[in-house]
Amino acid sequence: LAGILTMAFSMRLAVTSTPPLFGHMRPELVI
């Protein structure tokens, strides 16, 4: 159960954590 629940919370983090940061990333990465 611990594995399932922490795995579930990991399922969208890489998707929604990045778009708000595009402005901060541009000086180093050309987004």
Full PDB file with SEQRES, HELIX, SHEET, SSBOND, CRYST1, ORIGX, SCALE, CONECT and MASTER records, all heavy atoms in Angstrom:
SEQRES   1 A   31  LEU ALA GLY ILE LEU THR MET ALA PHE SER MET ARG LEU          
SEQRES   2 A   31  ALA VAL THR SER THR PRO PRO LEU PHE GLY HIS MET ARG          
SEQRES   3 A   31  PRO GLU LEU VAL ILE                                          
HELIX    1 AA1 ALA A    2  PHE A    9  1                                   8    
HELIX    2 AA2 LEU A   13  THR A   16  1                                   4    
HELIX    3 AA3 PRO A   19  LEU A   21  5                                   3    
HELIX    4 AA4 PHE A   22  MET A   25  1                                   4    
CRYST1    1.000    1.000    1.000  90.00  90.00  90.00 P 1           1          
ORIGX1      1.000000  0.000000  0.000000        0.00000                         
ORIGX2      0.000000  1.000000  0.000000        0.00000                         
ORIGX3      0.000000  0.000000  1.000000        0.00000                         
SCALE1      1.000000  0.000000  0.000000        0.00000                         
SCALE2      0.000000  1.000000  0.000000        0.00000                         
SCALE3      0.000000  0.000000  1.000000        0.00000                         
ATOM      1  N   LEU A   1       0.830  -1.203   0.000  1.00  0.00           N  
ATOM      2  CA  LEU A   1       0.000   0.000   0.000  1.00  0.00           C  
ATOM      3  C   LEU A   1       0.868   1.259   0.000  1.00  0.00           C  
ATOM      4  O   LEU A   1       0.583   2.219  -0.732  1.00  0.00           O  
ATOM      5  CB  LEU A   1      -0.926   0.006   1.221  1.00  0.00           C  
ATOM      6  CG  LEU A   1      -1.894   1.186   1.322  1.00  0.00           C  
ATOM      7  CD1 LEU A   1      -2.855   1.191   0.139  1.00  0.00           C  
ATOM      8  CD2 LEU A   1      -2.670   1.132   2.640  1.00  0.00           C  
ATOM      9  N   ALA A   2       1.924   1.248   0.807  1.00  0.00           N  
ATOM     10  CA  ALA A   2       2.837   2.401   0.824  1.00  0.00           C  
ATOM     11  C   ALA A   2       3.447   2.624  -0.555  1.00  0.00           C  
ATOM     12  O   ALA A   2       3.563   3.762  -1.025  1.00  0.00           O  
ATOM     13  CB  ALA A   2       3.935   2.176   1.862  1.00  0.00           C  
ATOM     14  N   GLY A   3       3.820   1.528  -1.218  1.00  0.00           N  
ATOM     15  CA  GLY A   3       4.379   1.639  -2.561  1.00  0.00           C  
ATOM     16  C   GLY A   3       3.374   2.172  -3.559  1.00  0.00           C  
ATOM     17  O   GLY A   3       3.684   3.054  -4.374  1.00  0.00           O  
ATOM     18  N   ILE A   4       2.146   1.659  -3.509  1.00  0.00           N  
ATOM     19  CA  ILE A   4       1.107   2.089  -4.447  1.00  0.00           C  
ATOM     20  C   ILE A   4       0.796   3.579  -4.276  1.00  0.00           C  
ATOM     21  O   ILE A   4       0.702   4.326  -5.258  1.00  0.00           O  
ATOM     22  CB  ILE A   4      -0.167   1.247  -4.255  1.00  0.00           C  
ATOM     23  CG1 ILE A   4       0.058  -0.180  -4.785  1.00  0.00           C  
ATOM     24  CG2 ILE A   4      -1.370   1.896  -4.950  1.00  0.00           C  
ATOM     25  CD1 ILE A   4      -1.083  -1.132  -4.469  1.00  0.00           C  
ATOM     26  N   LEU A   5       0.651   4.025  -3.037  1.00  0.00           N  
ATOM     27  CA  LEU A   5       0.235   5.404  -2.798  1.00  0.00           C  
ATOM     28  C   LEU A   5       1.328   6.407  -3.137  1.00  0.00           C  
ATOM     29  O   LEU A   5       1.065   7.453  -3.745  1.00  0.00           O  
ATOM     30  CB  LEU A   5      -0.222   5.570  -1.352  1.00  0.00           C  
ATOM     31  CG  LEU A   5      -1.435   4.721  -0.943  1.00  0.00           C  
ATOM     32  CD1 LEU A   5      -1.895   5.061   0.460  1.00  0.00           C  
ATOM     33  CD2 LEU A   5      -2.583   4.878  -1.931  1.00  0.00           C  
ATOM     34  N   THR A   6       2.570   6.124  -2.751  1.00  0.00           N  
ATOM     35  CA  THR A   6       3.655   7.050  -3.109  1.00  0.00           C  
ATOM     36  C   THR A   6       3.926   7.005  -4.610  1.00  0.00           C  
ATOM     37  O   THR A   6       4.276   8.026  -5.219  1.00  0.00           O  
ATOM     38  CB  THR A   6       4.932   6.732  -2.327  1.00  0.00           C  
ATOM     39  OG1 THR A   6       5.211   5.316  -2.386  1.00  0.00           O  
ATOM     40  CG2 THR A   6       4.818   7.160  -0.882  1.00  0.00           C  
ATOM     41  N   MET A   7       3.745   5.846  -5.220  1.00  0.00           N  
ATOM     42  CA  MET A   7       3.876   5.741  -6.673  1.00  0.00           C  
ATOM     43  C   MET A   7       2.802   6.585  -7.360  1.00  0.00           C  
ATOM     44  O   MET A   7       3.074   7.299  -8.331  1.00  0.00           O  
ATOM     45  CB  MET A   7       3.747   4.272  -7.085  1.00  0.00           C  
ATOM     46  CG  MET A   7       3.999   3.976  -8.548  1.00  0.00           C  
ATOM     47  SD  MET A   7       3.955   2.169  -8.791  1.00  0.00           S  
ATOM     48  CE  MET A   7       4.058   2.095 -10.585  1.00  0.00           C  
ATOM     49  N   ALA A   8       1.577   6.543  -6.842  1.00  0.00           N  
ATOM     50  CA  ALA A   8       0.486   7.328  -7.425  1.00  0.00           C  
ATOM     51  C   ALA A   8       0.790   8.816  -7.359  1.00  0.00           C  
ATOM     52  O   ALA A   8       0.543   9.557  -8.316  1.00  0.00           O  
ATOM     53  CB  ALA A   8      -0.827   7.021  -6.705  1.00  0.00           C  
ATOM     54  N   PHE A   9       1.344   9.267  -6.247  1.00  0.00           N  
ATOM     55  CA  PHE A   9       1.652  10.688  -6.113  1.00  0.00           C  
ATOM     56  C   PHE A   9       2.799  11.119  -7.023  1.00  0.00           C  
ATOM     57  O   PHE A   9       2.969  12.318  -7.286  1.00  0.00           O  
ATOM     58  CB  PHE A   9       1.992  11.047  -4.668  1.00  0.00           C  
ATOM     59  CG  PHE A   9       2.085  12.530  -4.425  1.00  0.00           C  
ATOM     60  CD1 PHE A   9       0.943  13.315  -4.414  1.00  0.00           C  
ATOM     61  CD2 PHE A   9       3.318  13.143  -4.241  1.00  0.00           C  
ATOM     62  CE1 PHE A   9       1.019  14.688  -4.216  1.00  0.00           C  
ATOM     63  CE2 PHE A   9       3.403  14.509  -4.033  1.00  0.00           C  
ATOM     64  CZ  PHE A   9       2.252  15.295  -4.023  1.00  0.00           C  
ATOM     65  N   SER A  10       3.539  10.155  -7.546  1.00  0.00           N  
ATOM     66  CA  SER A  10       4.657  10.458  -8.453  1.00  0.00           C  
ATOM     67  C   SER A  10       4.226  10.534  -9.908  1.00  0.00           C  
ATOM     68  O   SER A  10       5.035  10.901 -10.771  1.00  0.00           O  
ATOM     69  CB  SER A  10       5.738   9.364  -8.315  1.00  0.00           C  
ATOM     70  OG  SER A  10       6.187   9.235  -6.993  1.00  0.00           O  
ATOM     71  N   MET A  11       2.959  10.214 -10.202  1.00  0.00           N  
ATOM     72  CA  MET A  11       2.553   9.973 -11.583  1.00  0.00           C  
ATOM     73  C   MET A  11       2.353  11.218 -12.445  1.00  0.00           C  
ATOM     74  O   MET A  11       2.228  11.103 -13.665  1.00  0.00           O  
ATOM     75  CB  MET A  11       1.255   9.146 -11.608  1.00  0.00           C  
ATOM     76  CG  MET A  11       1.417   7.685 -11.222  1.00  0.00           C  
ATOM     77  SD  MET A  11       2.486   6.762 -12.343  1.00  0.00           S  
ATOM     78  CE  MET A  11       4.042   6.796 -11.446  1.00  0.00           C  
ATOM     79  N   ARG A  12       2.309  12.416 -11.850  1.00  0.00           N  
ATOM     80  CA  ARG A  12       2.096  13.626 -12.659  1.00  0.00           C  
ATOM     81  C   ARG A  12       3.091  14.735 -12.330  1.00  0.00           C  
ATOM     82  O   ARG A  12       3.034  15.810 -12.924  1.00  0.00           O  
ATOM     83  CB  ARG A  12       0.667  14.160 -12.453  1.00  0.00           C  
ATOM     84  CG  ARG A  12      -0.444  13.243 -12.926  1.00  0.00           C  
ATOM     85  CD  ARG A  12      -0.438  13.035 -14.424  1.00  0.00           C  
ATOM     86  NE  ARG A  12      -1.547  12.195 -14.864  1.00  0.00           N  
ATOM     87  CZ  ARG A  12      -1.501  10.864 -14.910  1.00  0.00           C  
ATOM     88  NH1 ARG A  12      -0.390  10.217 -14.572  1.00  0.00           N  
ATOM     89  NH2 ARG A  12      -2.554  10.180 -15.321  1.00  0.00           N  
ATOM     90  N   LEU A  13       4.013  14.488 -11.417  1.00  0.00           N  
ATOM     91  CA  LEU A  13       4.902  15.546 -10.941  1.00  0.00           C  
ATOM     92  C   LEU A  13       5.760  16.131 -12.060  1.00  0.00           C  
ATOM     93  O   LEU A  13       5.958  17.344 -12.139  1.00  0.00           O  
ATOM     94  CB  LEU A  13       5.798  15.009  -9.814  1.00  0.00           C  
ATOM     95  CG  LEU A  13       5.061  14.506  -8.566  1.00  0.00           C  
ATOM     96  CD1 LEU A  13       6.054  13.973  -7.548  1.00  0.00           C  
ATOM     97  CD2 LEU A  13       4.216  15.622  -7.950  1.00  0.00           C  
ATOM     98  N   ALA A  14       6.280  15.283 -12.934  1.00  0.00           N  
ATOM     99  CA  ALA A  14       7.137  15.776 -14.019  1.00  0.00           C  
ATOM    100  C   ALA A  14       6.334  16.517 -15.078  1.00  0.00           C  
ATOM    101  O   ALA A  14       6.907  17.278 -15.863  1.00  0.00           O  
ATOM    102  CB  ALA A  14       7.896  14.612 -14.666  1.00  0.00           C  
ATOM    103  N   VAL A  15       5.024  16.313 -15.092  1.00  0.00           N  
ATOM    104  CA  VAL A  15       4.176  16.951 -16.099  1.00  0.00           C  
ATOM    105  C   VAL A  15       3.852  18.386 -15.707  1.00  0.00           C  
ATOM    106  O   VAL A  15       4.009  19.321 -16.500  1.00  0.00           O  
ATOM    107  CB  VAL A  15       2.865  16.156 -16.300  1.00  0.00           C  
ATOM    108  CG1 VAL A  15       1.959  16.851 -17.307  1.00  0.00           C  
ATOM    109  CG2 VAL A  15       3.172  14.733 -16.753  1.00  0.00           C  
ATOM    110  N   THR A  16       3.413  18.595 -14.477  1.00  0.00           N  
ATOM    111  CA  THR A  16       2.879  19.904 -14.093  1.00  0.00           C  
ATOM    112  C   THR A  16       3.861  20.776 -13.322  1.00  0.00           C  
ATOM    113  O   THR A  16       3.576  21.948 -13.083  1.00  0.00           O  
ATOM    114  CB  THR A  16       1.596  19.728 -13.247  1.00  0.00           C  
ATOM    115  OG1 THR A  16       1.909  18.979 -12.061  1.00  0.00           O  
ATOM    116  CG2 THR A  16       0.525  19.005 -14.041  1.00  0.00           C  
ATOM    117  N   SER A  17       5.016  20.234 -12.942  1.00  0.00           N  
ATOM    118  CA  SER A  17       5.985  21.048 -12.203  1.00  0.00           C  
ATOM    119  C   SER A  17       6.835  21.920 -13.120  1.00  0.00           C  
ATOM    120  O   SER A  17       7.439  22.900 -12.659  1.00  0.00           O  
ATOM    121  CB  SER A  17       6.911  20.139 -11.378  1.00  0.00           C  
ATOM    122  OG  SER A  17       7.664  19.279 -12.222  1.00  0.00           O  
ATOM    123  N   THR A  18       6.887  21.617 -14.420  1.00  0.00           N  
ATOM    124  CA  THR A  18       7.800  22.306 -15.326  1.00  0.00           C  
ATOM    125  C   THR A  18       7.217  23.526 -16.046  1.00  0.00           C  
ATOM    126  O   THR A  18       7.870  24.577 -16.093  1.00  0.00           O  
ATOM    127  CB  THR A  18       8.347  21.314 -16.375  1.00  0.00           C  
ATOM    128  OG1 THR A  18       8.906  20.184 -15.697  1.00  0.00           O  
ATOM    129  CG2 THR A  18       9.413  21.958 -17.227  1.00  0.00           C  
ATOM    130  N   PRO A  19       6.015  23.480 -16.656  1.00  0.00           N  
ATOM    131  CA  PRO A  19       5.528  24.635 -17.428  1.00  0.00           C  
ATOM    132  C   PRO A  19       5.556  25.976 -16.699  1.00  0.00           C  
ATOM    133  O   PRO A  19       5.916  26.985 -17.315  1.00  0.00           O  
ATOM    134  CB  PRO A  19       4.094  24.212 -17.795  1.00  0.00           C  
ATOM    135  CG  PRO A  19       4.167  22.725 -17.873  1.00  0.00           C  
ATOM    136  CD  PRO A  19       5.097  22.330 -16.765  1.00  0.00           C  
ATOM    137  N   PRO A  20       5.239  26.048 -15.387  1.00  0.00           N  
ATOM    138  CA  PRO A  20       5.299  27.358 -14.730  1.00  0.00           C  
ATOM    139  C   PRO A  20       6.713  27.934 -14.641  1.00  0.00           C  
ATOM    140  O   PRO A  20       6.874  29.125 -14.356  1.00  0.00           O  
ATOM    141  CB  PRO A  20       4.754  27.065 -13.319  1.00  0.00           C  
ATOM    142  CG  PRO A  20       3.962  25.813 -13.454  1.00  0.00           C  
ATOM    143  CD  PRO A  20       4.678  25.015 -14.492  1.00  0.00           C  
ATOM    144  N   LEU A  21       7.728  27.098 -14.901  1.00  0.00           N  
ATOM    145  CA  LEU A  21       9.117  27.527 -14.721  1.00  0.00           C  
ATOM    146  C   LEU A  21       9.804  27.949 -16.013  1.00  0.00           C  
ATOM    147  O   LEU A  21      10.987  28.285 -16.001  1.00  0.00           O  
ATOM    148  CB  LEU A  21       9.933  26.384 -14.076  1.00  0.00           C  
ATOM    149  CG  LEU A  21       9.447  25.897 -12.713  1.00  0.00           C  
ATOM    150  CD1 LEU A  21      10.286  24.720 -12.244  1.00  0.00           C  
ATOM    151  CD2 LEU A  21       9.507  27.031 -11.689  1.00  0.00           C  
ATOM    152  N   PHE A  22       9.082  27.909 -17.127  1.00  0.00           N  
ATOM    153  CA  PHE A  22       9.724  28.216 -18.413  1.00  0.00           C  
ATOM    154  C   PHE A  22      10.426  29.576 -18.388  1.00  0.00           C  
ATOM    155  O   PHE A  22      11.524  29.732 -18.913  1.00  0.00           O  
ATOM    156  CB  PHE A  22       8.698  28.174 -19.546  1.00  0.00           C  
ATOM    157  CG  PHE A  22       8.274  26.781 -19.943  1.00  0.00           C  
ATOM    158  CD1 PHE A  22       7.152  26.587 -20.746  1.00  0.00           C  
ATOM    159  CD2 PHE A  22       8.973  25.663 -19.519  1.00  0.00           C  
ATOM    160  CE1 PHE A  22       6.760  25.315 -21.121  1.00  0.00           C  
ATOM    161  CE2 PHE A  22       8.583  24.380 -19.877  1.00  0.00           C  
ATOM    162  CZ  PHE A  22       7.477  24.203 -20.685  1.00  0.00           C  
ATOM    163  N   GLY A  23       9.796  30.560 -17.785  1.00  0.00           N  
ATOM    164  CA  GLY A  23      10.407  31.888 -17.717  1.00  0.00           C  
ATOM    165  C   GLY A  23      11.697  31.888 -16.918  1.00  0.00           C  
ATOM    166  O   GLY A  23      12.657  32.589 -17.269  1.00  0.00           O  
ATOM    167  N   HIS A  24      11.750  31.126 -15.846  1.00  0.00           N  
ATOM    168  CA  HIS A  24      12.957  31.043 -15.031  1.00  0.00           C  
ATOM    169  C   HIS A  24      14.064  30.245 -15.729  1.00  0.00           C  
ATOM    170  O   HIS A  24      15.251  30.471 -15.482  1.00  0.00           O  
ATOM    171  CB  HIS A  24      12.641  30.383 -13.680  1.00  0.00           C  
ATOM    172  CG  HIS A  24      11.779  31.200 -12.781  1.00  0.00           C  
ATOM    173  ND1 HIS A  24      10.426  31.359 -12.992  1.00  0.00           N  
ATOM    174  CD2 HIS A  24      12.069  31.929 -11.665  1.00  0.00           C  
ATOM    175  CE1 HIS A  24       9.915  32.133 -12.036  1.00  0.00           C  
ATOM    176  NE2 HIS A  24      10.891  32.497 -11.228  1.00  0.00           N  
ATOM    177  N   MET A  25      13.666  29.332 -16.609  1.00  0.00           N  
ATOM    178  CA  MET A  25      14.639  28.460 -17.262  1.00  0.00           C  
ATOM    179  C   MET A  25      15.305  29.122 -18.463  1.00  0.00           C  
ATOM    180  O   MET A  25      16.416  28.746 -18.848  1.00  0.00           O  
ATOM    181  CB  MET A  25      13.950  27.161 -17.701  1.00  0.00           C  
ATOM    182  CG  MET A  25      13.404  26.335 -16.544  1.00  0.00           C  
ATOM    183  SD  MET A  25      12.220  25.048 -17.060  1.00  0.00           S  
ATOM    184  CE  MET A  25      13.288  23.980 -18.031  1.00  0.00           C  
ATOM    185  N   ARG A  26      14.655  30.106 -19.067  1.00  0.00           N  
ATOM    186  CA  ARG A  26      15.128  30.656 -20.346  1.00  0.00           C  
ATOM    187  C   ARG A  26      16.548  31.223 -20.324  1.00  0.00           C  
ATOM    188  O   ARG A  26      17.245  31.116 -21.333  1.00  0.00           O  
ATOM    189  CB  ARG A  26      14.130  31.698 -20.849  1.00  0.00           C  
ATOM    190  CG  ARG A  26      12.867  31.074 -21.447  1.00  0.00           C  
ATOM    191  CD  ARG A  26      12.016  32.068 -22.242  1.00  0.00           C  
ATOM    192  NE  ARG A  26      10.828  31.406 -22.748  1.00  0.00           N  
ATOM    193  CZ  ARG A  26       9.619  31.498 -22.199  1.00  0.00           C  
ATOM    194  NH1 ARG A  26       9.457  32.245 -21.123  1.00  0.00           N  
ATOM    195  NH2 ARG A  26       8.582  30.865 -22.717  1.00  0.00           N  
ATOM    196  N   PRO A  27      17.019  31.832 -19.238  1.00  0.00           N  
ATOM    197  CA  PRO A  27      18.407  32.312 -19.263  1.00  0.00           C  
ATOM    198  C   PRO A  27      19.435  31.192 -19.464  1.00  0.00           C  
ATOM    199  O   PRO A  27      20.523  31.440 -19.971  1.00  0.00           O  
ATOM    200  CB  PRO A  27      18.576  32.970 -17.888  1.00  0.00           C  
ATOM    201  CG  PRO A  27      17.195  33.399 -17.506  1.00  0.00           C  
ATOM    202  CD  PRO A  27      16.305  32.308 -18.040  1.00  0.00           C  
ATOM    203  N   GLU A  28      19.074  29.941 -19.085  1.00  0.00           N  
ATOM    204  CA  GLU A  28      20.011  28.825 -19.219  1.00  0.00           C  
ATOM    205  C   GLU A  28      19.585  27.830 -20.298  1.00  0.00           C  
ATOM    206  O   GLU A  28      20.436  27.208 -20.944  1.00  0.00           O  
ATOM    207  CB  GLU A  28      20.136  28.096 -17.879  1.00  0.00           C  
ATOM    208  CG  GLU A  28      20.704  28.958 -16.768  1.00  0.00           C  
ATOM    209  CD  GLU A  28      20.794  28.193 -15.461  1.00  0.00           C  
ATOM    210  OE1 GLU A  28      21.567  27.226 -15.395  1.00  0.00           O  
ATOM    211  OE2 GLU A  28      20.086  28.571 -14.501  1.00  0.00           O  
ATOM    212  N   LEU A  29      18.291  27.642 -20.475  1.00  0.00           N  
ATOM    213  CA  LEU A  29      17.769  26.745 -21.510  1.00  0.00           C  
ATOM    214  C   LEU A  29      16.812  27.550 -22.399  1.00  0.00           C  
ATOM    215  O   LEU A  29      15.925  28.244 -21.888  1.00  0.00           O  
ATOM    216  CB  LEU A  29      17.014  25.561 -20.889  1.00  0.00           C  
ATOM    217  CG  LEU A  29      17.818  24.568 -20.055  1.00  0.00           C  
ATOM    218  CD1 LEU A  29      16.893  23.497 -19.486  1.00  0.00           C  
ATOM    219  CD2 LEU A  29      18.912  23.920 -20.876  1.00  0.00           C  
ATOM    220  N   VAL A  30      16.981  27.418 -23.689  1.00  0.00           N  
ATOM    221  CA  VAL A  30      16.136  28.181 -24.611  1.00  0.00           C  
ATOM    222  C   VAL A  30      14.805  27.453 -24.788  1.00  0.00           C  
ATOM    223  O   VAL A  30      14.644  26.592 -25.662  1.00  0.00           O  
ATOM    224  CB  VAL A  30      16.831  28.380 -25.972  1.00  0.00           C  
ATOM    225  CG1 VAL A  30      15.944  29.233 -26.893  1.00  0.00           C  
ATOM    226  CG2 VAL A  30      18.181  29.040 -25.774  1.00  0.00           C  
ATOM    227  N   ILE A  31      13.832  27.767 -23.955  1.00  0.00           N  
ATOM    228  CA  ILE A  31      12.500  27.172 -24.028  1.00  0.00           C  
ATOM    229  C   ILE A  31      11.615  28.128 -24.812  1.00  0.00           C  
ATOM    230  O   ILE A  31      10.981  29.038 -24.256  1.00  0.00           O  
ATOM    231  CB  ILE A  31      11.913  26.915 -22.631  1.00  0.00           C  
ATOM    232  CG1 ILE A  31      12.878  26.093 -21.778  1.00  0.00           C  
ATOM    233  CG2 ILE A  31      10.563  26.214 -22.743  1.00  0.00           C  
ATOM    234  CD1 ILE A  31      13.058  24.677 -22.227  1.00  0.00           C  
TER     235      ILE A  31                                                      
MASTER        0    0    0    4    0    0    0    6  234    1    0    3          
END                                                                             
